Amino acid sequence: QVQLVESGGGLVQAGGSLNLSCAAPLRTFSMYVMAWFRQAPGKERQFVAAISGSGSSTHYADSVKGRFSISRDNAKNMVWLQMNGLKSEDTAAYYCAADLKPGGLDSRTAADRRIYNYWGQGTQVTVSS
């Protein structure tokens, strides 16, 4: 069973920044759409951002547009989520996810957590106000 590994979470003040990392031991990494989701206590897991296998296309939740940026390095099997301008409502456990999709990113389905084949165990982000 493939396990994605997230890191980089922590405690930060409102307005601050964090850069989350995800290591993905997938043999054909460049064929996977990679995404970040988050889950606050008592709430459903929600979509944050996704990136196509080539890295040329991205899709963001409205709540993070302009503040967060997703990127990847296919040579290193790594994905990052740069989070700037953090708000208290960004506090959650952040999860990396992978969807085998050779055809690329489909923004109509990227936010649906059911399509993702592999997940990490999450990294906690806490934003203090």
Foldseek 3Di string as FASTA:
>chain_A
DWAKAKDWADEEAAQAKTKMKIAGPDPLQLQKKKFKWWDDPPGDIWGAKIAKSVRPDMDGDPVQPPFWDWGDDPVRRMIMIIGGRDDQVVWTWMKMFIARHNPIDDNVCPTPPVRTDYMHPTDTHGYHD
